[in-house]
N, C-alpha and C. Protein backbone atom coordinates (compact mmCIF):
# COMPACT_ATOMS: atom_id res chain seq x y z
N MET A 1 -1.89 5.65 14.07
CA MET A 1 -2.39 4.60 13.21
C MET A 1 -1.92 4.79 11.77
N THR A 2 -1.97 6.04 11.29
CA THR A 2 -1.57 6.31 9.92
C THR A 2 -0.12 5.91 9.68
N ASP A 3 0.75 6.20 10.63
CA ASP A 3 2.16 5.84 10.46
C ASP A 3 2.35 4.33 10.39
N ARG A 4 1.60 3.59 11.17
CA ARG A 4 1.70 2.13 11.11
C ARG A 4 1.18 1.60 9.78
N ILE A 5 0.11 2.19 9.27
CA ILE A 5 -0.41 1.78 7.97
C ILE A 5 0.61 2.10 6.88
N LYS A 6 1.19 3.30 6.92
CA LYS A 6 2.21 3.67 5.92
C LYS A 6 3.39 2.71 5.97
N SER A 7 3.83 2.37 7.15
CA SER A 7 4.95 1.44 7.30
C SER A 7 4.62 0.07 6.71
N SER A 8 3.43 -0.43 7.01
CA SER A 8 3.01 -1.73 6.46
C SER A 8 2.87 -1.68 4.95
N LEU A 9 2.31 -0.59 4.43
CA LEU A 9 2.20 -0.43 2.98
C LEU A 9 3.57 -0.45 2.33
N LEU A 10 4.50 0.32 2.88
CA LEU A 10 5.85 0.36 2.32
C LEU A 10 6.50 -1.01 2.33
N ASP A 11 6.34 -1.74 3.43
CA ASP A 11 6.90 -3.09 3.52
C ASP A 11 6.32 -3.99 2.43
N CYS A 12 5.00 -3.95 2.25
CA CYS A 12 4.35 -4.80 1.24
C CYS A 12 4.74 -4.38 -0.18
N ILE A 13 4.80 -3.08 -0.42
CA ILE A 13 5.17 -2.59 -1.75
C ILE A 13 6.61 -2.98 -2.08
N GLN A 14 7.50 -2.85 -1.11
CA GLN A 14 8.89 -3.24 -1.33
C GLN A 14 9.02 -4.73 -1.59
N ALA A 15 8.30 -5.54 -0.84
CA ALA A 15 8.34 -6.99 -1.05
C ALA A 15 7.81 -7.34 -2.44
N TYR A 16 6.74 -6.69 -2.86
CA TYR A 16 6.19 -6.92 -4.19
C TYR A 16 7.22 -6.53 -5.25
N ALA A 17 7.82 -5.37 -5.10
CA ALA A 17 8.80 -4.90 -6.09
C ALA A 17 9.99 -5.84 -6.19
N ARG A 18 10.45 -6.34 -5.06
CA ARG A 18 11.57 -7.30 -5.09
C ARG A 18 11.17 -8.58 -5.81
N ALA A 19 9.97 -9.04 -5.58
CA ALA A 19 9.51 -10.30 -6.18
C ALA A 19 9.17 -10.16 -7.66
N HIS A 20 8.66 -9.00 -8.07
CA HIS A 20 8.15 -8.84 -9.43
C HIS A 20 8.96 -7.89 -10.30
N GLY A 21 9.88 -7.16 -9.70
CA GLY A 21 10.70 -6.23 -10.48
C GLY A 21 9.98 -4.97 -10.92
N SER A 22 8.82 -4.70 -10.34
CA SER A 22 8.07 -3.48 -10.66
C SER A 22 7.18 -3.12 -9.47
N LEU A 23 6.66 -1.91 -9.51
CA LEU A 23 5.74 -1.49 -8.46
C LEU A 23 4.36 -2.07 -8.73
N PRO A 24 3.59 -2.34 -7.68
CA PRO A 24 2.25 -2.90 -7.87
C PRO A 24 1.30 -1.88 -8.49
N GLU A 25 0.39 -2.37 -9.28
CA GLU A 25 -0.64 -1.53 -9.91
C GLU A 25 -1.98 -2.24 -9.82
N GLY A 26 -3.04 -1.50 -10.03
CA GLY A 26 -4.38 -2.06 -10.16
C GLY A 26 -4.75 -3.07 -9.10
N GLY A 27 -5.09 -4.27 -9.55
CA GLY A 27 -5.53 -5.33 -8.66
C GLY A 27 -4.49 -5.75 -7.64
N ASP A 28 -3.22 -5.68 -8.02
CA ASP A 28 -2.17 -6.03 -7.06
C ASP A 28 -2.12 -5.02 -5.92
N MET A 29 -2.28 -3.75 -6.23
CA MET A 29 -2.30 -2.73 -5.19
C MET A 29 -3.54 -2.88 -4.33
N ASP A 30 -4.66 -3.24 -4.94
CA ASP A 30 -5.89 -3.50 -4.17
C ASP A 30 -5.67 -4.63 -3.17
N ALA A 31 -5.01 -5.68 -3.60
CA ALA A 31 -4.73 -6.82 -2.72
C ALA A 31 -3.82 -6.41 -1.57
N ILE A 32 -2.83 -5.58 -1.86
CA ILE A 32 -1.93 -5.09 -0.80
C ILE A 32 -2.73 -4.26 0.20
N CYS A 33 -3.61 -3.39 -0.27
CA CYS A 33 -4.43 -2.58 0.62
C CYS A 33 -5.33 -3.45 1.50
N GLU A 34 -5.88 -4.49 0.93
CA GLU A 34 -6.73 -5.41 1.70
C GLU A 34 -5.93 -6.13 2.77
N THR A 35 -4.72 -6.55 2.43
CA THR A 35 -3.86 -7.24 3.40
C THR A 35 -3.51 -6.31 4.56
N VAL A 36 -3.10 -5.09 4.24
CA VAL A 36 -2.74 -4.13 5.28
C VAL A 36 -3.97 -3.78 6.13
N ALA A 37 -5.12 -3.63 5.49
CA ALA A 37 -6.35 -3.33 6.23
C ALA A 37 -6.68 -4.43 7.23
N ALA A 38 -6.54 -5.68 6.81
CA ALA A 38 -6.82 -6.80 7.72
C ALA A 38 -5.85 -6.81 8.89
N THR A 39 -4.61 -6.49 8.62
CA THR A 39 -3.60 -6.45 9.68
C THR A 39 -3.91 -5.38 10.72
N HIS A 40 -4.44 -4.26 10.27
CA HIS A 40 -4.68 -3.12 11.17
C HIS A 40 -6.15 -2.92 11.52
N SER A 41 -6.98 -3.89 11.22
CA SER A 41 -8.41 -3.84 11.56
C SER A 41 -9.08 -2.55 11.09
N THR A 42 -8.86 -2.23 9.83
CA THR A 42 -9.50 -1.07 9.22
C THR A 42 -9.98 -1.48 7.82
N SER A 43 -10.54 -0.55 7.09
CA SER A 43 -11.04 -0.88 5.76
C SER A 43 -9.96 -0.65 4.70
N SER A 44 -10.07 -1.38 3.61
CA SER A 44 -9.10 -1.21 2.53
C SER A 44 -9.22 0.18 1.91
N SER A 45 -10.41 0.77 1.96
CA SER A 45 -10.55 2.13 1.42
C SER A 45 -9.79 3.15 2.27
N GLU A 46 -9.73 2.93 3.58
CA GLU A 46 -8.93 3.81 4.44
C GLU A 46 -7.44 3.65 4.15
N VAL A 47 -7.02 2.42 3.93
CA VAL A 47 -5.62 2.16 3.58
C VAL A 47 -5.29 2.80 2.24
N ARG A 48 -6.20 2.69 1.29
CA ARG A 48 -5.99 3.29 -0.04
C ARG A 48 -5.88 4.82 0.08
N LYS A 49 -6.66 5.42 0.97
CA LYS A 49 -6.56 6.87 1.18
C LYS A 49 -5.17 7.25 1.67
N VAL A 50 -4.63 6.48 2.61
CA VAL A 50 -3.28 6.74 3.11
C VAL A 50 -2.28 6.61 1.98
N TYR A 51 -2.42 5.56 1.18
CA TYR A 51 -1.53 5.36 0.04
C TYR A 51 -1.61 6.54 -0.93
N ASP A 52 -2.82 6.90 -1.32
CA ASP A 52 -3.00 7.99 -2.29
C ASP A 52 -2.49 9.32 -1.76
N ARG A 53 -2.71 9.59 -0.49
CA ARG A 53 -2.33 10.87 0.10
C ARG A 53 -0.84 10.96 0.40
N ASP A 54 -0.26 9.89 0.93
CA ASP A 54 1.10 9.98 1.48
C ASP A 54 2.18 9.24 0.71
N LEU A 55 1.82 8.25 -0.08
CA LEU A 55 2.85 7.40 -0.68
C LEU A 55 2.87 7.41 -2.20
N ARG A 56 1.91 7.98 -2.83
CA ARG A 56 1.82 7.90 -4.28
C ARG A 56 2.65 9.00 -4.95
N VAL A 57 3.87 9.17 -4.51
CA VAL A 57 4.71 10.26 -5.01
C VAL A 57 5.26 9.98 -6.41
N TRP A 58 5.46 8.71 -6.77
CA TRP A 58 6.08 8.44 -8.06
C TRP A 58 5.17 8.78 -9.23
N ASP A 59 3.86 8.88 -9.01
CA ASP A 59 2.95 9.28 -10.09
C ASP A 59 3.08 10.76 -10.43
N ALA A 60 3.55 11.54 -9.48
CA ALA A 60 3.66 12.99 -9.69
C ALA A 60 4.92 13.38 -10.45
N VAL A 61 5.85 12.47 -10.58
CA VAL A 61 7.13 12.79 -11.22
C VAL A 61 7.00 12.74 -12.72
C-alpha cells in the first residue's frame, strides 16, 4: 500500500510542478494528500506520513 501511495503522490507532485513551475507547499500539498487518500481509501494524515517519511528529501538539502 505504501508504494502505491508514494507512486500516486509523486505523480500528483510532478503534475503540480509542471503546471505551476514549483513544488507544492502548505494548502496545495494538503489538497494533494486528500486526493491521494481518497484514491486509496485511507486518511490524508496517513498519506502525509508517507510523504514526510519517504518523499520529503528536498527539505533536508
